Amino acid sequence: DPATKQVSVQSQLPRGAVAAVLAEA
């Protein structure tokens, strides 16, 4: 949601891996 700057993810990946994917993007 760009209005709130929030990203919610349901994933098998651990939090650190999701954060890394976001950073790489």
mmCIF file of all heavy atoms, coordinates in Angstrom:
data_MODEL
# 
_entry.id   MODEL 
# 
loop_
_atom_site.group_PDB 
_atom_site.id 
_atom_site.type_symbol 
_atom_site.label_atom_id 
_atom_site.label_alt_id 
_atom_site.label_comp_id 
_atom_site.label_asym_id 
_atom_site.label_entity_id 
_atom_site.label_seq_id 
_atom_site.pdbx_PDB_ins_code 
_atom_site.Cartn_x 
_atom_site.Cartn_y 
_atom_site.Cartn_z 
_atom_site.occupancy 
_atom_site.B_iso_or_equiv 
_atom_site.pdbx_formal_charge 
_atom_site.auth_seq_id 
_atom_site.auth_comp_id 
_atom_site.auth_asym_id 
_atom_site.auth_atom_id 
_atom_site.pdbx_PDB_model_num 
ATOM 1   N N   . ASP A 1 1  ? 0.840  -1.195  0.000  1.00 0.00 ? 1  ASP A N   1 
ATOM 2   C CA  . ASP A 1 1  ? 0.000  0.000   0.000  1.00 0.00 ? 1  ASP A CA  1 
ATOM 3   C C   . ASP A 1 1  ? 0.877  1.247   0.000  1.00 0.00 ? 1  ASP A C   1 
ATOM 4   O O   . ASP A 1 1  ? 1.470  1.592   1.018  1.00 0.00 ? 1  ASP A O   1 
ATOM 5   C CB  . ASP A 1 1  ? -0.904 -0.013  1.234  1.00 0.00 ? 1  ASP A CB  1 
ATOM 6   C CG  . ASP A 1 1  ? -1.878 1.160   1.252  1.00 0.00 ? 1  ASP A CG  1 
ATOM 7   O OD1 . ASP A 1 1  ? -1.765 2.059   0.384  1.00 0.00 ? 1  ASP A OD1 1 
ATOM 8   O OD2 . ASP A 1 1  ? -2.734 1.183   2.137  1.00 0.00 ? 1  ASP A OD2 1 
ATOM 9   N N   . PRO A 1 2  ? 0.971  1.920   -1.168 1.00 0.00 ? 2  PRO A N   1 
ATOM 10  C CA  . PRO A 1 2  ? 1.825  3.113   -1.231 1.00 0.00 ? 2  PRO A CA  1 
ATOM 11  C C   . PRO A 1 2  ? 1.355  4.230   -0.299 1.00 0.00 ? 2  PRO A C   1 
ATOM 12  O O   . PRO A 1 2  ? 2.163  5.023   0.161  1.00 0.00 ? 2  PRO A O   1 
ATOM 13  C CB  . PRO A 1 2  ? 1.759  3.550   -2.689 1.00 0.00 ? 2  PRO A CB  1 
ATOM 14  C CG  . PRO A 1 2  ? 0.912  2.585   -3.405 1.00 0.00 ? 2  PRO A CG  1 
ATOM 15  C CD  . PRO A 1 2  ? 0.376  1.571   -2.443 1.00 0.00 ? 2  PRO A CD  1 
ATOM 16  N N   . ALA A 1 3  ? 0.060  4.293   -0.003 1.00 0.00 ? 3  ALA A N   1 
ATOM 17  C CA  . ALA A 1 3  ? -0.458 5.363   0.855  1.00 0.00 ? 3  ALA A CA  1 
ATOM 18  C C   . ALA A 1 3  ? 0.108  5.264   2.270  1.00 0.00 ? 3  ALA A C   1 
ATOM 19  O O   . ALA A 1 3  ? 0.407  6.272   2.903  1.00 0.00 ? 3  ALA A O   1 
ATOM 20  C CB  . ALA A 1 3  ? -1.982 5.327   0.889  1.00 0.00 ? 3  ALA A CB  1 
ATOM 21  N N   . THR A 1 4  ? 0.269  4.029   2.760  1.00 0.00 ? 4  THR A N   1 
ATOM 22  C CA  . THR A 1 4  ? 0.762  3.829   4.135  1.00 0.00 ? 4  THR A CA  1 
ATOM 23  C C   . THR A 1 4  ? 2.216  3.370   4.166  1.00 0.00 ? 4  THR A C   1 
ATOM 24  O O   . THR A 1 4  ? 2.788  3.230   5.235  1.00 0.00 ? 4  THR A O   1 
ATOM 25  C CB  . THR A 1 4  ? -0.093 2.784   4.869  1.00 0.00 ? 4  THR A CB  1 
ATOM 26  O OG1 . THR A 1 4  ? 0.016  1.533   4.183  1.00 0.00 ? 4  THR A OG1 1 
ATOM 27  C CG2 . THR A 1 4  ? -1.534 3.208   4.958  1.00 0.00 ? 4  THR A CG2 1 
ATOM 28  N N   . LYS A 1 5  ? 2.797  3.112   2.983  1.00 0.00 ? 5  LYS A N   1 
ATOM 29  C CA  . LYS A 1 5  ? 4.179  2.620   2.861  1.00 0.00 ? 5  LYS A CA  1 
ATOM 30  C C   . LYS A 1 5  ? 4.345  1.233   3.493  1.00 0.00 ? 5  LYS A C   1 
ATOM 31  O O   . LYS A 1 5  ? 5.434  0.851   3.892  1.00 0.00 ? 5  LYS A O   1 
ATOM 32  C CB  . LYS A 1 5  ? 5.198  3.580   3.502  1.00 0.00 ? 5  LYS A CB  1 
ATOM 33  C CG  . LYS A 1 5  ? 5.032  5.023   3.099  1.00 0.00 ? 5  LYS A CG  1 
ATOM 34  C CD  . LYS A 1 5  ? 5.598  5.287   1.744  1.00 0.00 ? 5  LYS A CD  1 
ATOM 35  C CE  . LYS A 1 5  ? 5.672  6.779   1.470  1.00 0.00 ? 5  LYS A CE  1 
ATOM 36  N NZ  . LYS A 1 5  ? 5.616  7.074   0.057  1.00 0.00 ? 5  LYS A NZ  1 
ATOM 37  N N   . GLN A 1 6  ? 3.245  0.472   3.578  1.00 0.00 ? 6  GLN A N   1 
ATOM 38  C CA  . GLN A 1 6  ? 3.290  -0.841  4.212  1.00 0.00 ? 6  GLN A CA  1 
ATOM 39  C C   . GLN A 1 6  ? 3.302  -1.948  3.163  1.00 0.00 ? 6  GLN A C   1 
ATOM 40  O O   . GLN A 1 6  ? 2.563  -1.896  2.185  1.00 0.00 ? 6  GLN A O   1 
ATOM 41  C CB  . GLN A 1 6  ? 2.087  -1.031  5.133  1.00 0.00 ? 6  GLN A CB  1 
ATOM 42  C CG  . GLN A 1 6  ? 2.056  -0.087  6.320  1.00 0.00 ? 6  GLN A CG  1 
ATOM 43  C CD  . GLN A 1 6  ? 3.219  -0.296  7.261  1.00 0.00 ? 6  GLN A CD  1 
ATOM 44  O OE1 . GLN A 1 6  ? 3.449  -1.409  7.744  1.00 0.00 ? 6  GLN A OE1 1 
ATOM 45  N NE2 . GLN A 1 6  ? 3.981  0.751   7.502  1.00 0.00 ? 6  GLN A NE2 1 
ATOM 46  N N   . VAL A 1 7  ? 4.149  -2.956  3.415  1.00 0.00 ? 7  VAL A N   1 
ATOM 47  C CA  . VAL A 1 7  ? 4.175  -4.161  2.595  1.00 0.00 ? 7  VAL A CA  1 
ATOM 48  C C   . VAL A 1 7  ? 3.948  -5.342  3.529  1.00 0.00 ? 7  VAL A C   1 
ATOM 49  O O   . VAL A 1 7  ? 4.677  -5.507  4.511  1.00 0.00 ? 7  VAL A O   1 
ATOM 50  C CB  . VAL A 1 7  ? 5.521  -4.325  1.850  1.00 0.00 ? 7  VAL A CB  1 
ATOM 51  C CG1 . VAL A 1 7  ? 5.552  -5.628  1.064  1.00 0.00 ? 7  VAL A CG1 1 
ATOM 52  C CG2 . VAL A 1 7  ? 5.776  -3.134  0.934  1.00 0.00 ? 7  VAL A CG2 1 
ATOM 53  N N   . SER A 1 8  ? 2.921  -6.134  3.228  1.00 0.00 ? 8  SER A N   1 
ATOM 54  C CA  . SER A 1 8  ? 2.636  -7.346  3.995  1.00 0.00 ? 8  SER A CA  1 
ATOM 55  C C   . SER A 1 8  ? 2.898  -8.541  3.101  1.00 0.00 ? 8  SER A C   1 
ATOM 56  O O   . SER A 1 8  ? 2.465  -8.566  1.949  1.00 0.00 ? 8  SER A O   1 
ATOM 57  C CB  . SER A 1 8  ? 1.177  -7.365  4.453  1.00 0.00 ? 8  SER A CB  1 
ATOM 58  O OG  . SER A 1 8  ? 0.915  -6.262  5.290  1.00 0.00 ? 8  SER A OG  1 
ATOM 59  N N   . VAL A 1 9  ? 3.617  -9.517  3.637  1.00 0.00 ? 9  VAL A N   1 
ATOM 60  C CA  . VAL A 1 9  ? 4.026  -10.683 2.851  1.00 0.00 ? 9  VAL A CA  1 
ATOM 61  C C   . VAL A 1 9  ? 3.697  -11.942 3.631  1.00 0.00 ? 9  VAL A C   1 
ATOM 62  O O   . VAL A 1 9  ? 4.022  -12.047 4.817  1.00 0.00 ? 9  VAL A O   1 
ATOM 63  C CB  . VAL A 1 9  ? 5.548  -10.637 2.565  1.00 0.00 ? 9  VAL A CB  1 
ATOM 64  C CG1 . VAL A 1 9  ? 5.965  -11.818 1.699  1.00 0.00 ? 9  VAL A CG1 1 
ATOM 65  C CG2 . VAL A 1 9  ? 5.946  -9.321  1.913  1.00 0.00 ? 9  VAL A CG2 1 
ATOM 66  N N   . GLN A 1 10 ? 3.068  -12.896 2.951  1.00 0.00 ? 10 GLN A N   1 
ATOM 67  C CA  . GLN A 1 10 ? 2.917  -14.247 3.486  1.00 0.00 ? 10 GLN A CA  1 
ATOM 68  C C   . GLN A 1 10 ? 3.828  -15.113 2.639  1.00 0.00 ? 10 GLN A C   1 
ATOM 69  O O   . GLN A 1 10 ? 3.664  -15.195 1.425  1.00 0.00 ? 10 GLN A O   1 
ATOM 70  C CB  . GLN A 1 10 ? 1.475  -14.734 3.373  1.00 0.00 ? 10 GLN A CB  1 
ATOM 71  C CG  . GLN A 1 10 ? 0.528  -14.043 4.314  1.00 0.00 ? 10 GLN A CG  1 
ATOM 72  C CD  . GLN A 1 10 ? -0.883 -14.580 4.164  1.00 0.00 ? 10 GLN A CD  1 
ATOM 73  O OE1 . GLN A 1 10 ? -1.352 -14.791 3.066  1.00 0.00 ? 10 GLN A OE1 1 
ATOM 74  N NE2 . GLN A 1 10 ? -1.536 -14.800 5.285  1.00 0.00 ? 10 GLN A NE2 1 
ATOM 75  N N   . SER A 1 11 ? 4.814  -15.751 3.288  1.00 0.00 ? 11 SER A N   1 
ATOM 76  C CA  . SER A 1 11 ? 5.839  -16.458 2.530  1.00 0.00 ? 11 SER A CA  1 
ATOM 77  C C   . SER A 1 11 ? 6.436  -17.575 3.350  1.00 0.00 ? 11 SER A C   1 
ATOM 78  O O   . SER A 1 11 ? 6.422  -17.542 4.584  1.00 0.00 ? 11 SER A O   1 
ATOM 79  C CB  . SER A 1 11 ? 6.943  -15.461 2.132  1.00 0.00 ? 11 SER A CB  1 
ATOM 80  O OG  . SER A 1 11 ? 7.999  -16.117 1.482  1.00 0.00 ? 11 SER A OG  1 
ATOM 81  N N   . GLN A 1 12 ? 7.009  -18.545 2.654  1.00 0.00 ? 12 GLN A N   1 
ATOM 82  C CA  . GLN A 1 12 ? 7.807  -19.585 3.304  1.00 0.00 ? 12 GLN A CA  1 
ATOM 83  C C   . GLN A 1 12 ? 9.181  -19.039 3.695  1.00 0.00 ? 12 GLN A C   1 
ATOM 84  O O   . GLN A 1 12 ? 9.877  -19.627 4.506  1.00 0.00 ? 12 GLN A O   1 
ATOM 85  C CB  . GLN A 1 12 ? 7.995  -20.786 2.366  1.00 0.00 ? 12 GLN A CB  1 
ATOM 86  C CG  . GLN A 1 12 ? 6.702  -21.450 1.934  1.00 0.00 ? 12 GLN A CG  1 
ATOM 87  C CD  . GLN A 1 12 ? 5.978  -22.131 3.084  1.00 0.00 ? 12 GLN A CD  1 
ATOM 88  O OE1 . GLN A 1 12 ? 6.567  -22.463 4.103  1.00 0.00 ? 12 GLN A OE1 1 
ATOM 89  N NE2 . GLN A 1 12 ? 4.678  -22.328 2.921  1.00 0.00 ? 12 GLN A NE2 1 
ATOM 90  N N   . LEU A 1 13 ? 9.567  -17.922 3.084  1.00 0.00 ? 13 LEU A N   1 
ATOM 91  C CA  . LEU A 1 13 ? 10.894 -17.351 3.326  1.00 0.00 ? 13 LEU A CA  1 
ATOM 92  C C   . LEU A 1 13 ? 10.959 -16.704 4.711  1.00 0.00 ? 13 LEU A C   1 
ATOM 93  O O   . LEU A 1 13 ? 9.983  -16.100 5.158  1.00 0.00 ? 13 LEU A O   1 
ATOM 94  C CB  . LEU A 1 13 ? 11.207 -16.291 2.272  1.00 0.00 ? 13 LEU A CB  1 
ATOM 95  C CG  . LEU A 1 13 ? 11.258 -16.753 0.817  1.00 0.00 ? 13 LEU A CG  1 
ATOM 96  C CD1 . LEU A 1 13 ? 11.391 -15.559 -0.109 1.00 0.00 ? 13 LEU A CD1 1 
ATOM 97  C CD2 . LEU A 1 13 ? 12.392 -17.726 0.610  1.00 0.00 ? 13 LEU A CD2 1 
ATOM 98  N N   . PRO A 1 14 ? 12.108 -16.789 5.372  1.00 0.00 ? 14 PRO A N   1 
ATOM 99  C CA  . PRO A 1 14 ? 12.261 -16.082 6.643  1.00 0.00 ? 14 PRO A CA  1 
ATOM 100 C C   . PRO A 1 14 ? 12.296 -14.571 6.423  1.00 0.00 ? 14 PRO A C   1 
ATOM 101 O O   . PRO A 1 14 ? 12.557 -14.091 5.318  1.00 0.00 ? 14 PRO A O   1 
ATOM 102 C CB  . PRO A 1 14 ? 13.594 -16.591 7.186  1.00 0.00 ? 14 PRO A CB  1 
ATOM 103 C CG  . PRO A 1 14 ? 14.330 -17.115 6.003  1.00 0.00 ? 14 PRO A CG  1 
ATOM 104 C CD  . PRO A 1 14 ? 13.295 -17.554 5.003  1.00 0.00 ? 14 PRO A CD  1 
ATOM 105 N N   . ARG A 1 15 ? 12.035 -13.829 7.484  1.00 0.00 ? 15 ARG A N   1 
ATOM 106 C CA  . ARG A 1 15 ? 11.941 -12.370 7.404  1.00 0.00 ? 15 ARG A CA  1 
ATOM 107 C C   . ARG A 1 15 ? 13.180 -11.746 6.753  1.00 0.00 ? 15 ARG A C   1 
ATOM 108 O O   . ARG A 1 15 ? 13.068 -10.858 5.913  1.00 0.00 ? 15 ARG A O   1 
ATOM 109 C CB  . ARG A 1 15 ? 11.734 -11.799 8.806  1.00 0.00 ? 15 ARG A CB  1 
ATOM 110 C CG  . ARG A 1 15 ? 11.568 -10.288 8.799  1.00 0.00 ? 15 ARG A CG  1 
ATOM 111 C CD  . ARG A 1 15 ? 11.216 -9.747  10.190 1.00 0.00 ? 15 ARG A CD  1 
ATOM 112 N NE  . ARG A 1 15 ? 11.090 -8.299  10.155 1.00 0.00 ? 15 ARG A NE  1 
ATOM 113 C CZ  . ARG A 1 15 ? 9.994  -7.657  9.798  1.00 0.00 ? 15 ARG A CZ  1 
ATOM 114 N NH1 . ARG A 1 15 ? 8.915  -8.325  9.445  1.00 0.00 ? 15 ARG A NH1 1 
ATOM 115 N NH2 . ARG A 1 15 ? 9.964  -6.330  9.786  1.00 0.00 ? 15 ARG A NH2 1 
ATOM 116 N N   . GLY A 1 16 ? 14.359 -12.209 7.142  1.00 0.00 ? 16 GLY A N   1 
ATOM 117 C CA  . GLY A 1 16 ? 15.596 -11.649 6.594  1.00 0.00 ? 16 GLY A CA  1 
ATOM 118 C C   . GLY A 1 16 ? 15.694 -11.817 5.089  1.00 0.00 ? 16 GLY A C   1 
ATOM 119 O O   . GLY A 1 16 ? 16.178 -10.929 4.389  1.00 0.00 ? 16 GLY A O   1 
ATOM 120 N N   . ALA A 1 17 ? 15.236 -12.957 4.597  1.00 0.00 ? 17 ALA A N   1 
ATOM 121 C CA  . ALA A 1 17 ? 15.289 -13.211 3.160  1.00 0.00 ? 17 ALA A CA  1 
ATOM 122 C C   . ALA A 1 17 ? 14.314 -12.308 2.412  1.00 0.00 ? 17 ALA A C   1 
ATOM 123 O O   . ALA A 1 17 ? 14.623 -11.785 1.343  1.00 0.00 ? 17 ALA A O   1 
ATOM 124 C CB  . ALA A 1 17 ? 14.991 -14.683 2.866  1.00 0.00 ? 17 ALA A CB  1 
ATOM 125 N N   . VAL A 1 18 ? 13.120 -12.102 2.992  1.00 0.00 ? 18 VAL A N   1 
ATOM 126 C CA  . VAL A 1 18 ? 12.140 -11.203 2.372  1.00 0.00 ? 18 VAL A CA  1 
ATOM 127 C C   . VAL A 1 18 ? 12.691 -9.779  2.342  1.00 0.00 ? 18 VAL A C   1 
ATOM 128 O O   . VAL A 1 18 ? 12.610 -9.089  1.324  1.00 0.00 ? 18 VAL A O   1 
ATOM 129 C CB  . VAL A 1 18 ? 10.789 -11.268 3.112  1.00 0.00 ? 18 VAL A CB  1 
ATOM 130 C CG1 . VAL A 1 18 ? 9.812  -10.238 2.543  1.00 0.00 ? 18 VAL A CG1 1 
ATOM 131 C CG2 . VAL A 1 18 ? 10.191 -12.669 3.026  1.00 0.00 ? 18 VAL A CG2 1 
ATOM 132 N N   . ALA A 1 19 ? 13.294 -9.352  3.454  1.00 0.00 ? 19 ALA A N   1 
ATOM 133 C CA  . ALA A 1 19 ? 13.885 -8.011  3.513  1.00 0.00 ? 19 ALA A CA  1 
ATOM 134 C C   . ALA A 1 19 ? 14.986 -7.859  2.471  1.00 0.00 ? 19 ALA A C   1 
ATOM 135 O O   . ALA A 1 19 ? 15.108 -6.808  1.830  1.00 0.00 ? 19 ALA A O   1 
ATOM 136 C CB  . ALA A 1 19 ? 14.430 -7.726  4.921  1.00 0.00 ? 19 ALA A CB  1 
ATOM 137 N N   . ALA A 1 20 ? 15.789 -8.901  2.271  1.00 0.00 ? 20 ALA A N   1 
ATOM 138 C CA  . ALA A 1 20 ? 16.864 -8.855  1.280  1.00 0.00 ? 20 ALA A CA  1 
ATOM 139 C C   . ALA A 1 20 ? 16.301 -8.726  -0.135 1.00 0.00 ? 20 ALA A C   1 
ATOM 140 O O   . ALA A 1 20 ? 16.842 -7.974  -0.965 1.00 0.00 ? 20 ALA A O   1 
ATOM 141 C CB  . ALA A 1 20 ? 17.747 -10.096 1.400  1.00 0.00 ? 20 ALA A CB  1 
ATOM 142 N N   . VAL A 1 21 ? 15.222 -9.444  -0.425 1.00 0.00 ? 21 VAL A N   1 
ATOM 143 C CA  . VAL A 1 21 ? 14.590 -9.343  -1.744 1.00 0.00 ? 21 VAL A CA  1 
ATOM 144 C C   . VAL A 1 21 ? 14.076 -7.916  -1.969 1.00 0.00 ? 21 VAL A C   1 
ATOM 145 O O   . VAL A 1 21 ? 14.270 -7.339  -3.041 1.00 0.00 ? 21 VAL A O   1 
ATOM 146 C CB  . VAL A 1 21 ? 13.430 -10.376 -1.890 1.00 0.00 ? 21 VAL A CB  1 
ATOM 147 C CG1 . VAL A 1 21 ? 12.606 -10.095 -3.131 1.00 0.00 ? 21 VAL A CG1 1 
ATOM 148 C CG2 . VAL A 1 21 ? 13.980 -11.797 -1.915 1.00 0.00 ? 21 VAL A CG2 1 
ATOM 149 N N   . LEU A 1 22 ? 13.445 -7.334  -0.950 1.00 0.00 ? 22 LEU A N   1 
ATOM 150 C CA  . LEU A 1 22 ? 12.970 -5.959  -1.062 1.00 0.00 ? 22 LEU A CA  1 
ATOM 151 C C   . LEU A 1 22 ? 14.131 -5.011  -1.319 1.00 0.00 ? 22 LEU A C   1 
ATOM 152 O O   . LEU A 1 22 ? 14.049 -4.141  -2.194 1.00 0.00 ? 22 LEU A O   1 
ATOM 153 C CB  . LEU A 1 22 ? 12.230 -5.554  0.204  1.00 0.00 ? 22 LEU A CB  1 
ATOM 154 C CG  . LEU A 1 22 ? 10.857 -6.194  0.446  1.00 0.00 ? 22 LEU A CG  1 
ATOM 155 C CD1 . LEU A 1 22 ? 10.367 -5.898  1.847  1.00 0.00 ? 22 LEU A CD1 1 
ATOM 156 C CD2 . LEU A 1 22 ? 9.862  -5.718  -0.590 1.00 0.00 ? 22 LEU A CD2 1 
ATOM 157 N N   . ALA A 1 23 ? 15.219 -5.168  -0.584 1.00 0.00 ? 23 ALA A N   1 
ATOM 158 C CA  . ALA A 1 23 ? 16.379 -4.293  -0.745 1.00 0.00 ? 23 ALA A CA  1 
ATOM 159 C C   . ALA A 1 23 ? 16.983 -4.434  -2.136 1.00 0.00 ? 23 ALA A C   1 
ATOM 160 O O   . ALA A 1 23 ? 17.337 -3.429  -2.775 1.00 0.00 ? 23 ALA A O   1 
ATOM 161 C CB  . ALA A 1 23 ? 17.418 -4.597  0.336  1.00 0.00 ? 23 ALA A CB  1 
ATOM 162 N N   . GLU A 1 24 ? 17.101 -5.677  -2.622 1.00 0.00 ? 24 GLU A N   1 
ATOM 163 C CA  . GLU A 1 24 ? 17.663 -5.903  -3.958 1.00 0.00 ? 24 GLU A CA  1 
ATOM 164 C C   . GLU A 1 24 ? 16.802 -5.259  -5.040 1.00 0.00 ? 24 GLU A C   1 
ATOM 165 O O   . GLU A 1 24 ? 17.318 -4.831  -6.066 1.00 0.00 ? 24 GLU A O   1 
ATOM 166 C CB  . GLU A 1 24 ? 17.798 -7.406  -4.236 1.00 0.00 ? 24 GLU A CB  1 
ATOM 167 C CG  . GLU A 1 24 ? 18.971 -8.046  -3.526 1.00 0.00 ? 24 GLU A CG  1 
ATOM 168 C CD  . GLU A 1 24 ? 18.997 -9.570  -3.759 1.00 0.00 ? 24 GLU A CD  1 
ATOM 169 O OE1 . GLU A 1 24 ? 18.548 -10.026 -4.806 1.00 0.00 ? 24 GLU A OE1 1 
ATOM 170 O OE2 . GLU A 1 24 ? 19.493 -10.260 -2.842 1.00 0.00 ? 24 GLU A OE2 1 
ATOM 171 N N   . ALA A 1 25 ? 15.496 -5.204  -4.807 1.00 0.00 ? 25 ALA A N   1 
ATOM 172 C CA  . ALA A 1 25 ? 14.588 -4.592  -5.776 1.00 0.00 ? 25 ALA A CA  1 
ATOM 173 C C   . ALA A 1 25 ? 14.592 -3.071  -5.703 1.00 0.00 ? 25 ALA A C   1 
ATOM 174 O O   . ALA A 1 25 ? 13.952 -2.396  -6.490 1.00 0.00 ? 25 ALA A O   1 
ATOM 175 C CB  . ALA A 1 25 ? 13.164 -5.114  -5.553 1.00 0.00 ? 25 ALA A CB  1 
# 
